[in-house]
Each structure stands twice: as C-alpha cells, then as structure tokens.
Amino acid sequence: MTRKHLLVRGLVQGVGFRWYALEAASRLGLTGWVRNRPDGVVEAEAQGPAEDVEEFAAALRRGPTAARVDAVEQKDVPAGRTEEAFQIL
C-alpha cells in the first residue's frame, strides 16, 4: 500500500479536472481526495497498490481533453489513512 501527494499545474481548473481525477481513482479502486487550490493548482492524494497509484499519477499527467498539464509534482506520504473512497473536497 502506498500513498502519494500530487500537485498538478497548468490549465487544470474549470476544465473538469477534479471529476476526471475522481473517475480515474474510482476505476483503479483508490482512496483519497482531490481539490482545487486558490493558486490555480489541483492538489490530490491517492492511496492504494503502488502500481495503481502510479497509473493514477500518469492519468493526471495526461488530464482531460480540455486541460493543459504543465507539470505534476508528486511525493510519497505515509499510507494508512482510512478513507472509504476517493472524493472531491
């Protein structure tokens, strides 16, 4: 089990990015959250099997068709939070 904190920069707000992240995480069976930050960045944490979390990060690098992803920063954070599902905050 692994957990990653991700910051997605670019044209990522107002383009359905959080819903795209929710769908990707739900399809992979991950738990965690995604939210818009006031600085225009989309922030997320995802937890699950390492290969699924990495696939989620790859999906965020692609983004939905209306988005333009310039960069995705990611770092490992301690796993073990007990969310029931992935949610939009």
PDB file of N, CA and C in Angstrom:
ATOM      1  N   MET A   1       0.855  -1.179   0.000  1.00  0.00           N
ATOM      2  CA  MET A   1       0.000   0.000   0.000  1.00  0.00           C
ATOM      3  C   MET A   1       0.895   1.234   0.000  1.00  0.00           C
ATOM      4  N   THR A   2       0.576   2.174  -0.881  1.00  0.00           N
ATOM      5  CA  THR A   2       1.338   3.416  -0.969  1.00  0.00           C
ATOM      6  C   THR A   2       0.383   4.594  -1.067  1.00  0.00           C
ATOM      7  N   ARG A   3       0.887   5.765  -0.726  1.00  0.00           N
ATOM      8  CA  ARG A   3       0.094   6.997  -0.808  1.00  0.00           C
ATOM      9  C   ARG A   3       0.973   8.086  -1.387  1.00  0.00           C
ATOM     10  N   LYS A   4       0.427   8.830  -2.340  1.00  0.00           N
ATOM     11  CA  LYS A   4       1.163   9.930  -2.951  1.00  0.00           C
ATOM     12  C   LYS A   4       0.363  11.215  -2.857  1.00  0.00           C
ATOM     13  N   HIS A   5       1.103  12.305  -2.641  1.00  0.00           N
ATOM     14  CA  HIS A   5       0.556  13.653  -2.683  1.00  0.00           C
ATOM     15  C   HIS A   5       0.968  14.235  -4.027  1.00  0.00           C
ATOM     16  N   LEU A   6       0.003  14.801  -4.771  1.00  0.00           N
ATOM     17  CA  LEU A   6       0.267  15.292  -6.123  1.00  0.00           C
ATOM     18  C   LEU A   6      -0.216  16.725  -6.281  1.00  0.00           C
ATOM     19  N   LEU A   7       0.602  17.526  -6.964  1.00  0.00           N
ATOM     20  CA  LEU A   7       0.230  18.888  -7.332  1.00  0.00           C
ATOM     21  C   LEU A   7       0.278  18.967  -8.851  1.00  0.00           C
ATOM     22  N   VAL A   8      -0.840  19.372  -9.450  1.00  0.00           N
ATOM     23  CA  VAL A   8      -0.946  19.423 -10.902  1.00  0.00           C
ATOM     24  C   VAL A   8      -1.042  20.893 -11.318  1.00  0.00           C
ATOM     25  N   ARG A   9      -0.086  21.321 -12.152  1.00  0.00           N
ATOM     26  CA  ARG A   9      -0.006  22.716 -12.589  1.00  0.00           C
ATOM     27  C   ARG A   9      -0.308  22.824 -14.077  1.00  0.00           C
ATOM     28  N   GLY A  10      -0.876  23.960 -14.460  1.00  0.00           N
ATOM     29  CA  GLY A  10      -1.224  24.229 -15.851  1.00  0.00           C
ATOM     30  C   GLY A  10      -2.635  24.783 -15.908  1.00  0.00           C
ATOM     31  N   LEU A  11      -3.297  24.570 -17.021  1.00  0.00           N
ATOM     32  CA  LEU A  11      -4.708  24.936 -17.147  1.00  0.00           C
ATOM     33  C   LEU A  11      -5.510  23.739 -16.658  1.00  0.00           C
ATOM     34  N   VAL A  12      -5.736  23.696 -15.336  1.00  0.00           N
ATOM     35  CA  VAL A  12      -6.320  22.498 -14.726  1.00  0.00           C
ATOM     36  C   VAL A  12      -7.556  22.797 -13.879  1.00  0.00           C
ATOM     37  N   GLN A  13      -7.973  24.051 -13.839  1.00  0.00           N
ATOM     38  CA  GLN A  13      -9.217  24.381 -13.139  1.00  0.00           C
ATOM     39  C   GLN A  13     -10.228  24.889 -14.153  1.00  0.00           C
ATOM     40  N   GLY A  14     -11.484  24.541 -13.932  1.00  0.00           N
ATOM     41  CA  GLY A  14     -12.546  24.951 -14.840  1.00  0.00           C
ATOM     42  C   GLY A  14     -12.638  24.088 -16.091  1.00  0.00           C
ATOM     43  N   VAL A  15     -11.988  22.921 -16.076  1.00  0.00           N
ATOM     44  CA  VAL A  15     -11.978  22.032 -17.241  1.00  0.00           C
ATOM     45  C   VAL A  15     -12.406  20.611 -16.889  1.00  0.00           C
ATOM     46  N   GLY A  16     -13.013  20.421 -15.716  1.00  0.00           N
ATOM     47  CA  GLY A  16     -13.467  19.094 -15.304  1.00  0.00           C
ATOM     48  C   GLY A  16     -12.368  18.206 -14.750  1.00  0.00           C
ATOM     49  N   PHE A  17     -11.261  18.811 -14.311  1.00  0.00           N
ATOM     50  CA  PHE A  17     -10.119  18.011 -13.876  1.00  0.00           C
ATOM     51  C   PHE A  17     -10.416  17.195 -12.624  1.00  0.00           C
ATOM     52  N   ARG A  18     -11.118  17.762 -11.658  1.00  0.00           N
ATOM     53  CA  ARG A  18     -11.413  17.010 -10.426  1.00  0.00           C
ATOM     54  C   ARG A  18     -12.305  15.805 -10.727  1.00  0.00           C
ATOM     55  N   TRP A  19     -13.272  15.964 -11.620  1.00  0.00           N
ATOM     56  CA  TRP A  19     -14.152  14.850 -11.983  1.00  0.00           C
ATOM     57  C   TRP A  19     -13.372  13.792 -12.731  1.00  0.00           C
ATOM     58  N   TYR A  20     -12.439  14.228 -13.581  1.00  0.00           N
ATOM     59  CA  TYR A  20     -11.565  13.303 -14.299  1.00  0.00           C
ATOM     60  C   TYR A  20     -10.724  12.502 -13.295  1.00  0.00           C
ATOM     61  N   ALA A  21     -10.173  13.192 -12.291  1.00  0.00           N
ATOM     62  CA  ALA A  21      -9.373  12.512 -11.265  1.00  0.00           C
ATOM     63  C   ALA A  21     -10.227  11.537 -10.464  1.00  0.00           C
ATOM     64  N   LEU A  22     -11.439  11.944 -10.114  1.00  0.00           N
ATOM     65  CA  LEU A  22     -12.353  11.073  -9.373  1.00  0.00           C
ATOM     66  C   LEU A  22     -12.647   9.800 -10.169  1.00  0.00           C
ATOM     67  N   GLU A  23     -12.921   9.947 -11.453  1.00  0.00           N
ATOM     68  CA  GLU A  23     -13.216   8.783 -12.289  1.00  0.00           C
ATOM     69  C   GLU A  23     -12.003   7.856 -12.379  1.00  0.00           C
ATOM     70  N   ALA A  24     -10.828   8.430 -12.578  1.00  0.00           N
ATOM     71  CA  ALA A  24      -9.606   7.613 -12.697  1.00  0.00           C
ATOM     72  C   ALA A  24      -9.342   6.863 -11.398  1.00  0.00           C
ATOM     73  N   ALA A  25      -9.441   7.551 -10.271  1.00  0.00           N
ATOM     74  CA  ALA A  25      -9.183   6.917  -8.974  1.00  0.00           C
ATOM     75  C   ALA A  25     -10.221   5.844  -8.671  1.00  0.00           C
ATOM     76  N   SER A  26     -11.473   6.122  -8.966  1.00  0.00           N
ATOM     77  CA  SER A  26     -12.540   5.146  -8.708  1.00  0.00           C
ATOM     78  C   SER A  26     -12.353   3.899  -9.564  1.00  0.00           C
ATOM     79  N   ARG A  27     -11.976   4.087 -10.837  1.00  0.00           N
ATOM     80  CA  ARG A  27     -11.738   2.956 -11.740  1.00  0.00           C
ATOM     81  C   ARG A  27     -10.607   2.071 -11.214  1.00  0.00           C
ATOM     82  N   LEU A  28      -9.608   2.697 -10.575  1.00  0.00           N
ATOM     83  CA  LEU A  28      -8.453   1.957 -10.054  1.00  0.00           C
ATOM     84  C   LEU A  28      -8.665   1.450  -8.622  1.00  0.00           C
ATOM     85  N   GLY A  29      -9.794   1.804  -8.009  1.00  0.00           N
ATOM     86  CA  GLY A  29     -10.079   1.358  -6.648  1.00  0.00           C
ATOM     87  C   GLY A  29      -9.260   2.067  -5.588  1.00  0.00           C
ATOM     88  N   LEU A  30      -8.844   3.317  -5.858  1.00  0.00           N
ATOM     89  CA  LEU A  30      -8.022   4.073  -4.911  1.00  0.00           C
ATOM     90  C   LEU A  30      -8.890   4.852  -3.935  1.00  0.00           C
ATOM     91  N   THR A  31      -8.318   5.183  -2.814  1.00  0.00           N
ATOM     92  CA  THR A  31      -8.944   6.099  -1.874  1.00  0.00           C
ATOM     93  C   THR A  31      -8.127   7.387  -1.849  1.00  0.00           C
ATOM     94  N   GLY A  32      -8.722   8.443  -1.296  1.00  0.00           N
ATOM     95  CA  GLY A  32      -8.024   9.719  -1.197  1.00  0.00           C
ATOM     96  C   GLY A  32      -8.934  10.863  -1.549  1.00  0.00           C
ATOM     97  N   TRP A  33      -8.351  11.921  -2.100  1.00  0.00           N
ATOM     98  CA  TRP A  33      -9.124  13.128  -2.377  1.00  0.00           C
ATOM     99  C   TRP A  33      -8.445  13.971  -3.452  1.00  0.00           C
ATOM    100  N   VAL A  34      -9.223  14.914  -4.005  1.00  0.00           N
ATOM    101  CA  VAL A  34      -8.724  15.902  -4.956  1.00  0.00           C
ATOM    102  C   VAL A  34      -9.445  17.215  -4.673  1.00  0.00           C
ATOM    103  N   ARG A  35      -8.738  18.335  -4.865  1.00  0.00           N
ATOM    104  CA  ARG A  35      -9.363  19.641  -4.651  1.00  0.00           C
ATOM    105  C   ARG A  35      -8.636  20.701  -5.476  1.00  0.00           C
ATOM    106  N   ASN A  36      -9.351  21.800  -5.736  1.00  0.00           N
ATOM    107  CA  ASN A  36      -8.760  22.979  -6.341  1.00  0.00           C
ATOM    108  C   ASN A  36      -8.140  23.828  -5.247  1.00  0.00           C
ATOM    109  N   ARG A  37      -6.967  24.379  -5.519  1.00  0.00           N
ATOM    110  CA  ARG A  37      -6.346  25.326  -4.601  1.00  0.00           C
ATOM    111  C   ARG A  37      -6.554  26.734  -5.139  1.00  0.00           C
ATOM    112  N   PRO A  38      -6.530  27.737  -4.260  1.00  0.00           N
ATOM    113  CA  PRO A  38      -6.743  29.118  -4.709  1.00  0.00           C
ATOM    114  C   PRO A  38      -5.692  29.609  -5.712  1.00  0.00           C
ATOM    115  N   ASP A  39      -4.518  28.986  -5.742  1.00  0.00           N
ATOM    116  CA  ASP A  39      -3.455  29.424  -6.647  1.00  0.00           C
ATOM    117  C   ASP A  39      -3.561  28.818  -8.043  1.00  0.00           C
ATOM    118  N   GLY A  40      -4.662  28.113  -8.352  1.00  0.00           N
ATOM    119  CA  GLY A  40      -4.868  27.545  -9.681  1.00  0.00           C
ATOM    120  C   GLY A  40      -4.347  26.128  -9.844  1.00  0.00           C
ATOM    121  N   VAL A  41      -3.773  25.563  -8.794  1.00  0.00           N
ATOM    122  CA  VAL A  41      -3.236  24.207  -8.813  1.00  0.00           C
ATOM    123  C   VAL A  41      -4.325  23.230  -8.384  1.00  0.00           C
ATOM    124  N   VAL A  42      -4.317  22.034  -8.955  1.00  0.00           N
ATOM    125  CA  VAL A  42      -5.146  20.941  -8.459  1.00  0.00           C
ATOM    126  C   VAL A  42      -4.259  20.081  -7.573  1.00  0.00           C
ATOM    127  N   GLU A  43      -4.742  19.790  -6.371  1.00  0.00           N
ATOM    128  CA  GLU A  43      -3.999  19.015  -5.374  1.00  0.00           C
ATOM    129  C   GLU A  43      -4.746  17.725  -5.108  1.00  0.00           C
ATOM    130  N   ALA A  44      -4.009  16.629  -4.969  1.00  0.00           N
ATOM    131  CA  ALA A  44      -4.652  15.334  -4.727  1.00  0.00           C
ATOM    132  C   ALA A  44      -3.763  14.467  -3.853  1.00  0.00           C
ATOM    133  N   GLU A  45      -4.392  13.528  -3.164  1.00  0.00           N
ATOM    134  CA  GLU A  45      -3.702  12.422  -2.513  1.00  0.00           C
ATOM    135  C   GLU A  45      -4.432  11.156  -2.909  1.00  0.00           C
ATOM    136  N   ALA A  46      -3.647  10.141  -3.239  1.00  0.00           N
ATOM    137  CA  ALA A  46      -4.227   8.856  -3.654  1.00  0.00           C
ATOM    138  C   ALA A  46      -3.509   7.733  -2.929  1.00  0.00           C
ATOM    139  N   GLN A  47      -4.284   6.741  -2.498  1.00  0.00           N
ATOM    140  CA  GLN A  47      -3.742   5.601  -1.760  1.00  0.00           C
ATOM    141  C   GLN A  47      -4.260   4.305  -2.349  1.00  0.00           C
ATOM    142  N   GLY A  48      -3.362   3.324  -2.440  1.00  0.00           N
ATOM    143  CA  GLY A  48      -3.715   2.003  -2.943  1.00  0.00           C
ATOM    144  C   GLY A  48      -2.455   1.250  -3.312  1.00  0.00           C
ATOM    145  N   PRO A  49      -2.592   0.159  -4.064  1.00  0.00           N
ATOM    146  CA  PRO A  49      -1.415  -0.571  -4.530  1.00  0.00           C
ATOM    147  C   PRO A  49      -0.517   0.350  -5.360  1.00  0.00           C
ATOM    148  N   ALA A  50       0.793   0.197  -5.206  1.00  0.00           N
ATOM    149  CA  ALA A  50       1.756   1.108  -5.836  1.00  0.00           C
ATOM    150  C   ALA A  50       1.535   1.252  -7.338  1.00  0.00           C
ATOM    151  N   GLU A  51       1.293   0.154  -8.039  1.00  0.00           N
ATOM    152  CA  GLU A  51       1.138   0.238  -9.492  1.00  0.00           C
ATOM    153  C   GLU A  51      -0.121   1.004  -9.881  1.00  0.00           C
ATOM    154  N   ASP A  52      -1.181   0.906  -9.064  1.00  0.00           N
ATOM    155  CA  ASP A  52      -2.413   1.642  -9.346  1.00  0.00           C
ATOM    156  C   ASP A  52      -2.245   3.130  -9.059  1.00  0.00           C
ATOM    157  N   VAL A  53      -1.533   3.463  -7.991  1.00  0.00           N
ATOM    158  CA  VAL A  53      -1.268   4.874  -7.689  1.00  0.00           C
ATOM    159  C   VAL A  53      -0.407   5.484  -8.786  1.00  0.00           C
ATOM    160  N   GLU A  54       0.551   4.733  -9.301  1.00  0.00           N
ATOM    161  CA  GLU A  54       1.389   5.237 -10.395  1.00  0.00           C
ATOM    162  C   GLU A  54       0.564   5.427 -11.670  1.00  0.00           C
ATOM    163  N   GLU A  55      -0.373   4.529 -11.920  1.00  0.00           N
ATOM    164  CA  GLU A  55      -1.258   4.689 -13.084  1.00  0.00           C
ATOM    165  C   GLU A  55      -2.138   5.927 -12.921  1.00  0.00           C
ATOM    166  N   PHE A  56      -2.584   6.194 -11.690  1.00  0.00           N
ATOM    167  CA  PHE A  56      -3.362   7.401 -11.409  1.00  0.00           C
ATOM    168  C   PHE A  56      -2.523   8.642 -11.696  1.00  0.00           C
ATOM    169  N   ALA A  57      -1.279   8.659 -11.241  1.00  0.00           N
ATOM    170  CA  ALA A  57      -0.389   9.804 -11.491  1.00  0.00           C
ATOM    171  C   ALA A  57      -0.200   9.999 -12.998  1.00  0.00           C
ATOM    172  N   ALA A  58      -0.071   8.917 -13.749  1.00  0.00           N
ATOM    173  CA  ALA A  58       0.061   9.013 -15.201  1.00  0.00           C
ATOM    174  C   ALA A  58      -1.205   9.610 -15.824  1.00  0.00           C
ATOM    175  N   ALA A  59      -2.369   9.232 -15.313  1.00  0.00           N
ATOM    176  CA  ALA A  59      -3.626   9.796 -15.812  1.00  0.00           C
ATOM    177  C   ALA A  59      -3.675  11.292 -15.545  1.00  0.00           C
ATOM    178  N   LEU A  60      -3.198  11.726 -14.376  1.00  0.00           N
ATOM    179  CA  LEU A  60      -3.187  13.155 -14.076  1.00  0.00           C
ATOM    180  C   LEU A  60      -2.230  13.892 -15.003  1.00  0.00           C
ATOM    181  N   ARG A  61      -1.134  13.275 -15.386  1.00  0.00           N
ATOM    182  CA  ARG A  61      -0.203  13.916 -16.322  1.00  0.00           C
ATOM    183  C   ARG A  61      -0.852  14.118 -17.692  1.00  0.00           C
ATOM    184  N   ARG A  62      -1.760  13.202 -18.083  1.00  0.00           N
ATOM    185  CA  ARG A  62      -2.494  13.356 -19.352  1.00  0.00           C
ATOM    186  C   ARG A  62      -3.602  14.390 -19.210  1.00  0.00           C
ATOM    187  N   GLY A  63      -4.397  14.280 -18.150  1.00  0.00           N
ATOM    188  CA  GLY A  63      -5.512  15.179 -17.905  1.00  0.00           C
ATOM    189  C   GLY A  63      -6.648  14.993 -18.893  1.00  0.00           C
ATOM    190  N   PRO A  64      -7.791  15.634 -18.613  1.00  0.00           N
ATOM    191  CA  PRO A  64      -8.915  15.583 -19.549  1.00  0.00           C
ATOM    192  C   PRO A  64      -8.575  16.399 -20.798  1.00  0.00           C
ATOM    193  N   THR A  65      -9.350  16.226 -21.850  1.00  0.00           N
ATOM    194  CA  THR A  65      -9.022  16.852 -23.131  1.00  0.00           C
ATOM    195  C   THR A  65      -8.982  18.377 -23.067  1.00  0.00           C
ATOM    196  N   ALA A  66      -9.775  19.009 -22.222  1.00  0.00           N
ATOM    197  CA  ALA A  66      -9.803  20.475 -22.159  1.00  0.00           C
ATOM    198  C   ALA A  66      -8.663  21.052 -21.318  1.00  0.00           C
ATOM    199  N   ALA A  67      -7.923  20.211 -20.629  1.00  0.00           N
ATOM    200  CA  ALA A  67      -6.854  20.686 -19.742  1.00  0.00           C
ATOM    201  C   ALA A  67      -5.527  20.779 -20.489  1.00  0.00           C
ATOM    202  N   ARG A  68      -4.620  21.545 -19.897  1.00  0.00           N
ATOM    203  CA  ARG A  68      -3.227  21.571 -20.338  1.00  0.00           C
ATOM    204  C   ARG A  68      -2.376  21.373 -19.087  1.00  0.00           C
ATOM    205  N   VAL A  69      -1.783  20.210 -18.960  1.00  0.00           N
ATOM    206  CA  VAL A  69      -0.967  19.899 -17.788  1.00  0.00           C
ATOM    207  C   VAL A  69       0.473  20.283 -18.096  1.00  0.00           C
ATOM    208  N   ASP A  70       1.009  21.215 -17.311  1.00  0.00           N
ATOM    209  CA  ASP A  70       2.402  21.648 -17.478  1.00  0.00           C
ATOM    210  C   ASP A  70       3.352  20.833 -16.622  1.00  0.00           C
ATOM    211  N   ALA A  71       2.906  20.449 -15.428  1.00  0.00           N
ATOM    212  CA  ALA A  71       3.780  19.700 -14.517  1.00  0.00           C
ATOM    213  C   ALA A  71       2.935  18.996 -13.471  1.00  0.00           C
ATOM    214  N   VAL A  72       3.439  17.840 -13.031  1.00  0.00           N
ATOM    215  CA  VAL A  72       2.847  17.119 -11.905  1.00  0.00           C
ATOM    216  C   VAL A  72       3.969  16.828 -10.925  1.00  0.00           C
ATOM    217  N   GLU A  73       3.872  17.428  -9.752  1.00  0.00           N
ATOM    218  CA  GLU A  73       4.831  17.143  -8.684  1.00  0.00           C
ATOM    219  C   GLU A  73       4.212  16.072  -7.803  1.00  0.00           C
ATOM    220  N   GLN A  74       5.012  15.095  -7.421  1.00  0.00           N
ATOM    221  CA  GLN A  74       4.480  14.052  -6.550  1.00  0.00           C
ATOM    222  C   GLN A  74       5.511  13.675  -5.503  1.00  0.00           C
ATOM    223  N   LYS A  75       4.991  13.334  -4.328  1.00  0.00           N
ATOM    224  CA  LYS A  75       5.872  12.844  -3.275  1.00  0.00           C
ATOM    225  C   LYS A  75       5.131  11.783  -2.485  1.00  0.00           C
ATOM    226  N   ASP A  76       5.896  10.855  -1.944  1.00  0.00           N
ATOM    227  CA  ASP A  76       5.319   9.824  -1.097  1.00  0.00           C
ATOM    228  C   ASP A  76       4.971  10.425   0.250  1.00  0.00           C
ATOM    229  N   VAL A  77       3.834  10.018   0.772  1.00  0.00           N
ATOM    230  CA  VAL A  77       3.405  10.393   2.116  1.00  0.00           C
ATOM    231  C   VAL A  77       3.009   9.105   2.829  1.00  0.00           C
ATOM    232  N   PRO A  78       2.964   9.128   4.163  1.00  0.00           N
ATOM    233  CA  PRO A  78       2.623   7.895   4.886  1.00  0.00           C
ATOM    234  C   PRO A  78       1.241   7.362   4.496  1.00  0.00           C
ATOM    235  N   ALA A  79       1.179   6.085   4.197  1.00  0.00           N
ATOM    236  CA  ALA A  79      -0.088   5.425   3.878  1.00  0.00           C
ATOM    237  C   ALA A  79      -0.804   5.063   5.165  1.00  0.00           C
ATOM    238  N   GLY A  80      -2.037   4.637   5.022  1.00  0.00           N
ATOM    239  CA  GLY A  80      -2.755   4.139   6.176  1.00  0.00           C
ATOM    240  C   GLY A  80      -3.969   4.945   6.565  1.00  0.00           C
ATOM    241  N   ARG A  81      -4.219   6.080   5.891  1.00  0.00           N
ATOM    242  CA  ARG A  81      -5.453   6.815   6.195  1.00  0.00           C
ATOM    243  C   ARG A  81      -6.627   5.909   5.874  1.00  0.00           C
ATOM    244  N   THR A  82      -7.742   6.156   6.489  1.00  0.00           N
ATOM    245  CA  THR A  82      -8.852   5.213   6.402  1.00  0.00           C
ATOM    246  C   THR A  82     -10.046   5.758   5.623  1.00  0.00           C
ATOM    247  N   GLU A  83      -9.817   6.465   4.533  1.00  0.00           N
ATOM    248  CA  GLU A  83     -10.949   6.904   3.724  1.00  0.00           C
ATOM    249  C   GLU A  83     -11.676   5.701   3.153  1.00  0.00           C
ATOM    250  N   GLU A  84     -12.938   5.853   2.936  1.00  0.00           N
ATOM    251  CA  GLU A  84     -13.747   4.773   2.368  1.00  0.00           C
ATOM    252  C   GLU A  84     -13.677   4.768   0.846  1.00  0.00           C
ATOM    253  N   ALA A  85     -13.418   5.931   0.254  1.00  0.00           N
ATOM    254  CA  ALA A  85     -13.432   6.060  -1.204  1.00  0.00           C
ATOM    255  C   ALA A  85     -12.577   7.271  -1.584  1.00  0.00           C
ATOM    256  N   PHE A  86     -12.540   7.585  -2.859  1.00  0.00           N
ATOM    257  CA  PHE A  86     -11.883   8.780  -3.358  1.00  0.00           C
ATOM    258  C   PHE A  86     -12.964   9.850  -3.471  1.00  0.00           C
ATOM    259  N   GLN A  87     -12.655  11.086  -3.067  1.00  0.00           N
ATOM    260  CA  GLN A  87     -13.681  12.114  -3.070  1.00  0.00           C
ATOM    261  C   GLN A  87     -13.127  13.462  -3.511  1.00  0.00           C
ATOM    262  N   ILE A  88     -14.037  14.302  -3.997  1.00  0.00           N
ATOM    263  CA  ILE A  88     -13.710  15.675  -4.320  1.00  0.00           C
ATOM    264  C   ILE A  88     -13.976  16.511  -3.067  1.00  0.00           C
ATOM    265  N   LEU A  89     -12.989  17.259  -2.652  1.00  0.00           N
ATOM    266  CA  LEU A  89     -13.153  18.132  -1.474  1.00  0.00           C
ATOM    267  C   LEU A  89     -13.559  19.526  -1.906  1.00  0.00           C
TER     268      LEU A  89
END
